C-alpha atoms as a PDB file:
ATOM      1  CA  MET A   1     -14.228  10.868  27.505  1.00  0.00           C
ATOM      2  CA  ASP A   2     -14.608  13.495  24.791  1.00  0.00           C
ATOM      3  CA  PRO A   3     -16.634  11.853  21.969  1.00  0.00           C
ATOM      4  CA  PHE A   4     -14.593  13.755  19.371  1.00  0.00           C
ATOM      5  CA  PHE A   5     -11.404  12.267  20.804  1.00  0.00           C
ATOM      6  CA  LEU A   6     -13.003   8.817  20.641  1.00  0.00           C
ATOM      7  CA  GLU A   7     -13.871   9.478  16.997  1.00  0.00           C
ATOM      8  CA  ALA A   8     -10.224  10.407  16.373  1.00  0.00           C
ATOM      9  CA  LEU A   9      -9.094   7.111  17.924  1.00  0.00           C
ATOM     10  CA  VAL A  10     -11.568   5.103  15.844  1.00  0.00           C
ATOM     11  CA  ASN A  11     -10.594   6.955  12.664  1.00  0.00           C
ATOM     12  CA  GLY A  12      -6.936   6.284  13.461  1.00  0.00           C
ATOM     13  CA  VAL A  13      -7.581   2.540  13.643  1.00  0.00           C
ATOM     14  CA  LEU A  14      -9.588   2.644  10.401  1.00  0.00           C
ATOM     15  CA  LEU A  15      -6.858   4.673   8.691  1.00  0.00           C
ATOM     16  CA  GLY A  16      -4.208   2.223   9.877  1.00  0.00           C
ATOM     17  CA  GLY A  17      -6.105  -0.655   8.310  1.00  0.00           C
ATOM     18  CA  VAL A  18      -6.089   1.064   4.919  1.00  0.00           C
ATOM     19  CA  PHE A  19      -2.389   1.999   5.280  1.00  0.00           C
ATOM     20  CA  ALA A  20      -1.619  -1.652   6.003  1.00  0.00           C
ATOM     21  CA  LEU A  21      -2.364  -2.985   2.488  1.00  0.00           C
ATOM     22  CA  PRO A  22       0.221  -0.969   0.500  1.00  0.00           C
ATOM     23  CA  VAL A  23       2.686  -1.470   3.376  1.00  0.00           C
ATOM     24  CA  LEU A  24       2.238  -5.254   3.141  1.00  0.00           C
ATOM     25  CA  GLY A  25       2.682  -5.132  -0.631  1.00  0.00           C
ATOM     26  CA  LEU A  26       5.881  -3.085  -0.413  1.00  0.00           C
ATOM     27  CA  ASN A  27       7.335  -5.266   2.343  1.00  0.00           C
ATOM     28  CA  LEU A  28       6.482  -8.437   0.440  1.00  0.00           C
ATOM     29  CA  VAL A  29       8.271  -7.277  -2.721  1.00  0.00           C
ATOM     30  CA  PHE A  30      11.285  -5.978  -0.803  1.00  0.00           C
ATOM     31  CA  GLY A  31      11.533  -9.079   1.376  1.00  0.00           C
ATOM     32  CA  VAL A  32      11.585 -11.426  -1.636  1.00  0.00           C
ATOM     33  CA  VAL A  33      13.049  -9.478  -4.566  1.00  0.00           C
ATOM     34  CA  ASP A  34      15.189  -7.141  -2.393  1.00  0.00           C
ATOM     35  CA  VAL A  35      14.201  -4.120  -4.504  1.00  0.00           C
ATOM     36  CA  ILE A  36      12.150  -1.173  -3.261  1.00  0.00           C
ATOM     37  CA  TRP A  37       9.438  -0.150  -5.725  1.00  0.00           C
ATOM     38  CA  LEU A  38       9.660   3.611  -5.370  1.00  0.00           C
ATOM     39  CA  CYS A  39       6.709   3.893  -7.779  1.00  0.00           C
ATOM     40  CA  TYR A  40       4.385   1.708  -5.674  1.00  0.00           C
ATOM     41  CA  ALA A  41       1.986   4.553  -4.860  1.00  0.00           C
ATOM     42  CA  GLU A  42       1.708   5.282  -8.594  1.00  0.00           C
ATOM     43  CA  LEU A  43       0.597   1.680  -9.200  1.00  0.00           C
ATOM     44  CA  VAL A  44      -2.181   2.410  -6.721  1.00  0.00           C
ATOM     45  CA  MET A  45      -2.956   5.605  -8.650  1.00  0.00           C
ATOM     46  CA  VAL A  46      -3.292   3.624 -11.900  1.00  0.00           C
ATOM     47  CA  GLY A  47      -5.701   1.258 -10.158  1.00  0.00           C
ATOM     48  CA  MET A  48      -7.762   4.198  -8.880  1.00  0.00           C
ATOM     49  CA  TYR A  49      -8.018   5.594 -12.411  1.00  0.00           C
ATOM     50  CA  ALA A  50      -9.020   2.147 -13.706  1.00  0.00           C
ATOM     51  CA  VAL A  51     -11.889   1.923 -11.211  1.00  0.00           C
ATOM     52  CA  TRP A  52     -12.977   5.507 -11.914  1.00  0.00           C
ATOM     53  CA  PHE A  53     -12.963   5.002 -15.701  1.00  0.00           C
ATOM     54  CA  LEU A  54     -14.777   1.666 -15.654  1.00  0.00           C
ATOM     55  CA  TYR A  55     -17.415   2.884 -13.201  1.00  0.00           C
ATOM     56  CA  THR A  56     -18.107   6.448 -14.383  1.00  0.00           C
ATOM     57  CA  GLN A  57     -17.197   6.302 -18.075  1.00  0.00           C
ATOM     58  CA  ALA A  58     -17.736   2.700 -19.176  1.00  0.00           C
ATOM     59  CA  GLY A  59     -20.801   2.200 -16.986  1.00  0.00           C
ATOM     60  CA  TRP A  60     -19.584  -0.957 -15.255  1.00  0.00           C
ATOM     61  CA  PRO A  61     -21.048  -1.922 -11.866  1.00  0.00           C
ATOM     62  CA  LEU A  62     -18.768  -0.851  -9.037  1.00  0.00           C
ATOM     63  CA  ALA A  63     -18.109  -4.458  -7.963  1.00  0.00           C
ATOM     64  CA  ALA A  64     -17.053  -5.366 -11.528  1.00  0.00           C
ATOM     65  CA  ALA A  65     -14.775  -2.321 -11.700  1.00  0.00           C
ATOM     66  CA  PHE A  66     -13.155  -3.388  -8.418  1.00  0.00           C
ATOM     67  CA  ALA A  67     -12.715  -6.951  -9.695  1.00  0.00           C
ATOM     68  CA  ALA A  68     -11.099  -5.742 -12.941  1.00  0.00           C
ATOM     69  CA  CYS A  69      -8.742  -3.416 -11.076  1.00  0.00           C
ATOM     70  CA  LEU A  70      -6.906  -6.280  -9.364  1.00  0.00           C
ATOM     71  CA  PRO A  71      -5.607  -8.116 -12.470  1.00  0.00           C
ATOM     72  CA  ILE A  72      -4.867  -4.804 -14.210  1.00  0.00           C
ATOM     73  CA  VAL A  73      -2.506  -3.631 -11.471  1.00  0.00           C
ATOM     74  CA  ALA A  74      -1.144  -7.161 -10.958  1.00  0.00           C
ATOM     75  CA  ALA A  75      -0.182  -7.244 -14.655  1.00  0.00           C
ATOM     76  CA  LEU A  76       1.410  -3.820 -14.261  1.00  0.00           C
ATOM     77  CA  GLY A  77       3.455  -5.149 -11.328  1.00  0.00           C
ATOM     78  CA  VAL A  78       4.679  -8.096 -13.429  1.00  0.00           C
ATOM     79  CA  LEU A  79       5.507  -5.738 -16.322  1.00  0.00           C
ATOM     80  CA  LEU A  80       7.461  -3.511 -13.950  1.00  0.00           C
ATOM     81  CA  HIS A  81       9.477  -6.478 -12.742  1.00  0.00           C
ATOM     82  CA  VAL A  82      10.208  -7.840 -16.229  1.00  0.00           C
ATOM     83  CA  LEU A  83      11.108  -4.550 -17.906  1.00  0.00           C
ATOM     84  CA  VAL A  84      12.710  -2.551 -15.080  1.00  0.00           C
ATOM     85  CA  VAL A  85      13.563  -4.612 -12.008  1.00  0.00           C
ATOM     86  CA  ARG A  86      14.850  -7.903 -13.458  1.00  0.00           C
ATOM     87  CA  PRO A  87      17.645  -6.286 -15.551  1.00  0.00           C
ATOM     88  CA  LEU A  88      18.827  -4.445 -12.410  1.00  0.00           C
ATOM     89  CA  LEU A  89      18.625  -7.270  -9.849  1.00  0.00           C
ATOM     90  CA  HIS A  90      22.404  -7.365  -9.476  1.00  0.00           C
ATOM     91  CA  ALA A  91      22.950  -3.641  -9.951  1.00  0.00           C
ATOM     92  CA  PRO A  92      23.800  -1.281  -7.049  1.00  0.00           C
ATOM     93  CA  PRO A  93      20.730  -0.337  -4.953  1.00  0.00           C
ATOM     94  CA  ILE A  94      20.931   3.300  -6.066  1.00  0.00           C
ATOM     95  CA  ASN A  95      20.407   2.191  -9.694  1.00  0.00           C
ATOM     96  CA  GLN A  96      17.304   0.268  -8.671  1.00  0.00           C
ATOM     97  CA  VAL A  97      15.911   3.228  -6.730  1.00  0.00           C
ATOM     98  CA  LEU A  98      16.559   5.622  -9.633  1.00  0.00           C
ATOM     99  CA  ALA A  99      14.952   3.235 -12.149  1.00  0.00           C
ATOM    100  CA  THR A 100      11.750   2.728 -10.152  1.00  0.00           C
ATOM    101  CA  GLY A 101      11.745   6.456  -9.374  1.00  0.00           C
ATOM    102  CA  GLY A 102      11.851   7.087 -13.124  1.00  0.00           C
ATOM    103  CA  VAL A 103       8.804   4.839 -13.550  1.00  0.00           C
ATOM    104  CA  LEU A 104       7.076   7.022 -10.928  1.00  0.00           C
ATOM    105  CA  PHE A 105       7.469  10.123 -13.114  1.00  0.00           C
ATOM    106  CA  VAL A 106       6.517   8.208 -16.262  1.00  0.00           C
ATOM    107  CA  LEU A 107       3.228   7.064 -14.714  1.00  0.00           C
ATOM    108  CA  GLN A 108       2.476  10.537 -13.341  1.00  0.00           C
ATOM    109  CA  GLY A 109       3.178  12.100 -16.731  1.00  0.00           C
ATOM    110  CA  ALA A 110       1.120   9.516 -18.601  1.00  0.00           C
ATOM    111  CA  ALA A 111      -1.841  10.043 -16.259  1.00  0.00           C
ATOM    112  CA  THR A 112      -1.568  13.806 -16.749  1.00  0.00           C
ATOM    113  CA  LEU A 113      -1.577  13.438 -20.542  1.00  0.00           C
ATOM    114  CA  VAL A 114      -4.537  11.036 -20.583  1.00  0.00           C
ATOM    115  CA  PHE A 115      -6.725  12.409 -17.783  1.00  0.00           C
ATOM    116  CA  SER A 116      -5.321  15.960 -17.226  1.00  0.00           C
ATOM    117  CA  THR A 117      -4.771  17.239 -13.691  1.00  0.00           C
ATOM    118  CA  ASP A 118      -8.497  17.490 -12.872  1.00  0.00           C
ATOM    119  CA  PHE A 119      -9.688  15.912  -9.631  1.00  0.00           C
ATOM    120  CA  ARG A 120     -12.167  13.105 -10.275  1.00  0.00           C
ATOM    121  CA  SER A 121     -14.463  11.371  -7.829  1.00  0.00           C
ATOM    122  CA  LEU A 122     -16.633   8.251  -7.847  1.00  0.00           C
ATOM    123  CA  GLY A 123     -19.345  10.033  -5.882  1.00  0.00           C
ATOM    124  CA  VAL A 124     -19.917   6.938  -3.727  1.00  0.00           C
ATOM    125  CA  GLU A 125     -20.511   7.415  -0.003  1.00  0.00           C
ATOM    126  CA  MET A 126     -21.951   5.053   2.588  1.00  0.00           C
ATOM    127  CA  PRO A 127     -24.089   6.451   5.437  1.00  0.00           C
ATOM    128  CA  PRO A 128     -22.291   6.916   8.767  1.00  0.00           C
ATOM    129  CA  MET A 129     -22.897   4.737  11.801  1.00  0.00           C
ATOM    130  CA  GLU A 130     -23.697   6.166  15.221  1.00  0.00           C
ATOM    131  CA  VAL A 131     -22.378   4.362  18.307  1.00  0.00           C
ATOM    132  CA  GLY A 132     -23.398   6.339  21.373  1.00  0.00           C
ATOM    133  CA  GLU A 133     -22.094   9.838  20.707  1.00  0.00           C
ATOM    134  CA  VAL A 134     -19.467   8.651  18.235  1.00  0.00           C
ATOM    135  CA  PHE A 135     -20.075   8.830  14.472  1.00  0.00           C
ATOM    136  CA  ILE A 136     -18.163   6.348  12.313  1.00  0.00           C
ATOM    137  CA  SER A 137     -17.843   6.800   8.562  1.00  0.00           C
ATOM    138  CA  GLY A 138     -19.522   3.880   6.829  1.00  0.00           C
ATOM    139  CA  THR A 139     -17.111   4.160   3.881  1.00  0.00           C
ATOM    140  CA  LYS A 140     -14.022   4.074   6.123  1.00  0.00           C
ATOM    141  CA  LEU A 141     -15.410   1.185   8.152  1.00  0.00           C
ATOM    142  CA  ALA A 142     -16.133  -0.869   5.020  1.00  0.00           C
ATOM    143  CA  ALA A 143     -12.630  -0.103   3.690  1.00  0.00           C
ATOM    144  CA  PHE A 144     -11.107  -1.134   7.030  1.00  0.00           C
ATOM    145  CA  LEU A 145     -12.959  -4.467   7.099  1.00  0.00           C
ATOM    146  CA  ALA A 146     -12.003  -5.154   3.488  1.00  0.00           C
ATOM    147  CA  ALA A 147      -8.356  -4.317   4.284  1.00  0.00           C
ATOM    148  CA  LEU A 148      -8.381  -6.779   7.198  1.00  0.00           C
ATOM    149  CA  ALA A 149      -9.880  -9.444   4.928  1.00  0.00           C
ATOM    150  CA  GLY A 150      -7.156  -8.764   2.339  1.00  0.00           C
ATOM    151  CA  ALA A 151      -4.416  -8.992   4.977  1.00  0.00           C
ATOM    152  CA  ALA A 152      -5.896 -12.260   6.287  1.00  0.00           C
ATOM    153  CA  ALA A 153      -6.049 -13.696   2.760  1.00  0.00           C
ATOM    154  CA  LEU A 154      -2.384 -12.765   2.203  1.00  0.00           C
ATOM    155  CA  TRP A 155      -1.406 -14.421   5.495  1.00  0.00           C
ATOM    156  CA  ALA A 156      -3.280 -17.601   4.584  1.00  0.00           C
ATOM    157  CA  PHE A 157      -1.668 -17.647   1.111  1.00  0.00           C
ATOM    158  CA  LEU A 158       1.825 -17.290   2.558  1.00  0.00           C
ATOM    159  CA  LYS A 159       1.183 -19.757   5.375  1.00  0.00           C
ATOM    160  CA  PHE A 160      -0.740 -22.627   3.791  1.00  0.00           C
ATOM    161  CA  THR A 161       0.200 -22.796   0.102  1.00  0.00           C
ATOM    162  CA  TYR A 162       3.295 -24.261  -1.515  1.00  0.00           C
ATOM    163  CA  VAL A 163       4.019 -21.047  -3.420  1.00  0.00           C
ATOM    164  CA  GLY A 164       3.512 -19.001  -0.262  1.00  0.00           C
ATOM    165  CA  THR A 165       5.945 -21.243   1.605  1.00  0.00           C
ATOM    166  CA  ALA A 166       8.466 -20.824  -1.209  1.00  0.00           C
ATOM    167  CA  ILE A 167       8.033 -17.046  -1.046  1.00  0.00           C
ATOM    168  CA  ARG A 168       8.706 -17.040   2.705  1.00  0.00           C
ATOM    169  CA  ALA A 169      11.668 -19.375   2.290  1.00  0.00           C
ATOM    170  CA  ILE A 170      13.319 -17.381  -0.476  1.00  0.00           C
ATOM    171  CA  ALA A 171      12.828 -14.228   1.583  1.00  0.00           C
ATOM    172  CA  ARG A 172      14.835 -15.914   4.366  1.00  0.00           C
ATOM    173  CA  ASP A 173      17.653 -17.235   2.149  1.00  0.00           C
ATOM    174  CA  ARG A 174      17.471 -16.526  -1.568  1.00  0.00           C
ATOM    175  CA  GLU A 175      20.849 -18.154  -2.275  1.00  0.00           C
ATOM    176  CA  ILE A 176      20.153 -21.626  -0.880  1.00  0.00           C
ATOM    177  CA  MET A 177      16.595 -22.047  -2.226  1.00  0.00           C
ATOM    178  CA  PRO A 178      17.586 -22.825  -5.853  1.00  0.00           C
ATOM    179  CA  LEU A 179      19.443 -25.863  -4.468  1.00  0.00           C
ATOM    180  CA  MET A 180      16.138 -27.064  -2.979  1.00  0.00           C
ATOM    181  CA  GLY A 181      14.215 -26.986  -6.257  1.00  0.00           C
ATOM    182  CA  VAL A 182      12.762 -23.466  -6.106  1.00  0.00           C
ATOM    183  CA  ASP A 183      13.041 -21.343  -9.250  1.00  0.00           C
ATOM    184  CA  PRO A 184      13.767 -17.776  -8.032  1.00  0.00           C
ATOM    185  CA  ARG A 185      12.715 -16.181 -11.347  1.00  0.00           C
ATOM    186  CA  ARG A 186       9.261 -17.758 -11.074  1.00  0.00           C
ATOM    187  CA  ILE A 187       8.899 -16.743  -7.417  1.00  0.00           C
ATOM    188  CA  TYR A 188       9.955 -13.178  -8.247  1.00  0.00           C
ATOM    189  CA  LEU A 189       7.252 -12.981 -10.927  1.00  0.00           C
ATOM    190  CA  ILE A 190       4.581 -14.373  -8.597  1.00  0.00           C
ATOM    191  CA  THR A 191       5.654 -11.995  -5.827  1.00  0.00           C
ATOM    192  CA  SER A 192       5.456  -9.037  -8.200  1.00  0.00           C
ATOM    193  CA  ALA A 193       1.968 -10.124  -9.243  1.00  0.00           C
ATOM    194  CA  VAL A 194       0.874 -10.456  -5.599  1.00  0.00           C
ATOM    195  CA  GLY A 195       2.413  -7.074  -4.768  1.00  0.00           C
ATOM    196  CA  GLY A 196       0.557  -5.547  -7.710  1.00  0.00           C
ATOM    197  CA  THR A 197      -2.681  -7.207  -6.604  1.00  0.00           C
ATOM    198  CA  LEU A 198      -2.309  -5.649  -3.149  1.00  0.00           C
ATOM    199  CA  ALA A 199      -1.738  -2.274  -4.813  1.00  0.00           C
ATOM    200  CA  GLY A 200      -4.926  -2.792  -6.837  1.00  0.00           C
ATOM    201  CA  PHE A 201      -6.820  -3.771  -3.685  1.00  0.00           C
ATOM    202  CA  ALA A 202      -5.549  -0.627  -1.953  1.00  0.00           C
ATOM    203  CA  ALA A 203      -6.701   1.389  -4.971  1.00  0.00           C
ATOM    204  CA  CYS A 204     -10.228   0.000  -4.593  1.00  0.00           C
ATOM    205  CA  LEU A 205     -10.301   1.078  -0.939  1.00  0.00           C
ATOM    206  CA  LEU A 206      -8.802   4.525  -1.532  1.00  0.00           C
ATOM    207  CA  VAL A 207     -10.778   5.519  -4.621  1.00  0.00           C
ATOM    208  CA  VAL A 208     -13.990   5.703  -2.572  1.00  0.00           C
ATOM    209  CA  GLN A 209     -12.287   7.989  -0.037  1.00  0.00           C
ATOM    210  CA  LEU A 210      -9.998  10.223  -2.126  1.00  0.00           C
ATOM    211  CA  ASP A 211     -10.359  12.176  -5.350  1.00  0.00           C
ATOM    212  CA  VAL A 212      -8.260  10.743  -8.185  1.00  0.00           C
ATOM    213  CA  HIS A 213      -5.588  12.864  -9.879  1.00  0.00           C
ATOM    214  CA  PRO A 214      -2.102  12.120 -11.282  1.00  0.00           C
ATOM    215  CA  PHE A 215      -0.342  13.115  -8.057  1.00  0.00           C
ATOM    216  CA  VAL A 216      -2.663  11.397  -5.583  1.00  0.00           C
ATOM    217  CA  GLY A 217       0.184   9.032  -4.695  1.00  0.00           C
ATOM    218  CA  LEU A 218       1.946  11.908  -2.950  1.00  0.00           C
ATOM    219  CA  SER A 219      -0.850  11.992  -0.364  1.00  0.00           C
ATOM    220  CA  PHE A 220      -0.127   8.472   0.921  1.00  0.00           C
ATOM    221  CA  GLY A 221       3.077   7.291  -0.791  1.00  0.00           C
ATOM    222  CA  PRO A 222       5.661   8.968   1.491  1.00  0.00           C
ATOM    223  CA  ILE A 223       3.933   7.870   4.695  1.00  0.00           C
ATOM    224  CA  THR A 224       3.646   4.325   3.305  1.00  0.00           C
ATOM    225  CA  PHE A 225       7.414   4.149   2.834  1.00  0.00           C
ATOM    226  CA  MET A 226       7.903   5.680   6.271  1.00  0.00           C
ATOM    227  CA  ILE A 227       5.710   2.998   7.854  1.00  0.00           C
ATOM    228  CA  CYS A 228       7.659   0.246   6.040  1.00  0.00           C
ATOM    229  CA  VAL A 229      10.970   1.554   7.389  1.00  0.00           C
ATOM    230  CA  MET A 230       9.566   2.131  10.872  1.00  0.00           C
ATOM    231  CA  GLY A 231       8.180  -1.413  11.043  1.00  0.00           C
ATOM    232  CA  GLY A 232      11.362  -2.917   9.601  1.00  0.00           C
ATOM    233  CA  LEU A 233      11.820  -3.331   5.845  1.00  0.00           C
ATOM    234  CA  GLY A 234      10.717  -6.797   4.794  1.00  0.00           C
ATOM    235  CA  ASN A 235       8.980  -7.443   8.140  1.00  0.00           C
ATOM    236  CA  MET A 236       5.339  -8.083   7.293  1.00  0.00           C
ATOM    237  CA  LEU A 237       4.020  -8.168  10.866  1.00  0.00           C
ATOM    238  CA  GLY A 238       6.106  -5.147  11.858  1.00  0.00           C
ATOM    239  CA  GLY A 239       4.773  -3.120   8.935  1.00  0.00           C
ATOM    240  CA  PHE A 240       1.209  -4.163   9.753  1.00  0.00           C
ATOM    241  CA  LEU A 241       1.523  -3.013  13.379  1.00  0.00           C
ATOM    242  CA  ALA A 242       3.375   0.173  12.418  1.00  0.00           C
ATOM    243  CA  ALA A 243       0.521   1.072  10.020  1.00  0.00           C
ATOM    244  CA  PHE A 244      -1.962   1.153  12.906  1.00  0.00           C
ATOM    245  CA  LEU A 245       0.461   3.114  15.089  1.00  0.00           C
ATOM    246  CA  MET A 246       0.980   5.719  12.383  1.00  0.00           C
ATOM    247  CA  GLY A 247      -2.755   5.898  11.662  1.00  0.00           C
ATOM    248  CA  LEU A 248      -3.402   6.713  15.321  1.00  0.00           C
ATOM    249  CA  ILE A 249      -0.664   9.372  15.370  1.00  0.00           C
ATOM    250  CA  VAL A 250      -2.056  11.079  12.251  1.00  0.00           C
ATOM    251  CA  SER A 251      -5.675  10.937  13.412  1.00  0.00           C
ATOM    252  CA  VAL A 252      -5.096  12.024  17.031  1.00  0.00           C
ATOM    253  CA  GLY A 253      -2.653  14.699  15.850  1.00  0.00           C
ATOM    254  CA  GLY A 254      -5.366  16.029  13.557  1.00  0.00           C
ATOM    255  CA  PHE A 255      -7.723  16.152  16.548  1.00  0.00           C
ATOM    256  CA  TRP A 256      -5.298  18.128  18.728  1.00  0.00           C
ATOM    257  CA  TRP A 257      -3.948  20.423  15.976  1.00  0.00           C
ATOM    258  CA  ASN A 258      -4.773  20.057  12.269  1.00  0.00           C
ATOM    259  CA  THR A 259      -4.094  17.594   9.462  1.00  0.00           C
ATOM    260  CA  GLU A 260      -0.902  19.298   8.295  1.00  0.00           C
ATOM    261  CA  MET A 261       0.519  19.422  11.806  1.00  0.00           C
ATOM    262  CA  SER A 262      -0.404  15.791  12.411  1.00  0.00           C
ATOM    263  CA  TYR A 263       1.853  14.720   9.525  1.00  0.00           C
ATOM    264  CA  VAL A 264       4.650  16.872  10.930  1.00  0.00           C
ATOM    265  CA  VAL A 265       4.273  15.050  14.269  1.00  0.00           C
ATOM    266  CA  ALA A 266       4.248  11.705  12.445  1.00  0.00           C
ATOM    267  CA  PHE A 267       7.502  12.498  10.620  1.00  0.00           C
ATOM    268  CA  VAL A 268       9.154  13.737  13.841  1.00  0.00           C
ATOM    269  CA  PHE A 269       8.111  10.506  15.566  1.00  0.00           C
ATOM    270  CA  PHE A 270       9.577   8.543  12.648  1.00  0.00           C
ATOM    271  CA  ILE A 271      12.900  10.392  12.907  1.00  0.00           C
ATOM    272  CA  VAL A 272      13.108   9.716  16.652  1.00  0.00           C
ATOM    273  CA  VAL A 273      12.348   6.013  16.106  1.00  0.00           C
ATOM    274  CA  ILE A 274      15.042   5.714  13.429  1.00  0.00           C
ATOM    275  CA  PHE A 275      17.594   7.363  15.709  1.00  0.00           C
ATOM    276  CA  LEU A 276      16.764   4.940  18.520  1.00  0.00           C
ATOM    277  CA  ARG A 277      16.178   1.822  16.397  1.00  0.00           C
ATOM    278  CA  PRO A 278      17.784   2.282  12.964  1.00  0.00           C
ATOM    279  CA  ARG A 279      16.413  -1.031  11.656  1.00  0.00           C
ATOM    280  CA  GLY A 280      12.837  -0.231  12.726  1.00  0.00           C
ATOM    281  CA  LEU A 281      10.645  -0.809  15.745  1.00  0.00           C
ATOM    282  CA  PHE A 282       9.964  -4.477  14.991  1.00  0.00           C
ATOM    283  CA  ALA A 283      13.155  -5.455  13.131  1.00  0.00           C
ATOM    284  CA  ARG A 284      14.490  -8.939  13.853  1.00  0.00           C
END
């Protein structure tokens, strides 16, 4: 088999692993709070700027910058819920979408004012690995393994902790859970913090692969939402599997044509899926 095609397959799997983290965060928030954070990619952008600033400007070790990024974006997720989402919980969905979309432009504008539109890079790159005739990016492989570890930690939290069980239960039936001693307001706050933490984790994995600028969210935000819908909104496992499927489509499409055309193919595939299964490939 063509070694370049094998590289495309491997890169597709690695890309899917990185896509999976923001997809899991979005699906978690939507499944529990029932509100789509249209500004989710911009939370990731804020986390990327936090890592860049702490590492290149403040002189922090990279591991410390990564560790600080998580609570920063988690706090931003809680702030978003308290100031924007909570007042609109019972409003029409279009109001919620417009409000979180407004936050998107606020964060982009604030980043432009503070950091300008210059592209900024960490300048961190791990040496590639050679397996036979296939070269694997060390940076992408490390990001993929970290993404899998993050997904496994989220699964364990939701499966084996009391709060995780409450989150899964309220996602199934948010009206009956208050009668069983669960405080929805507290669970919504915790879910927003966990969703923000996943956005911060995704920022740590993306900042070593992409240059940071105020509109970096546009490079992965739309496809993240597309993967969520294709996997079934609120379906964690479906979104996880759809992330790998979309990563393979983008990577193999880039091998056969070019990067721009690969995204066109991905969007066409998405449209076909939605026509055939309007609730997503893995909707229950």
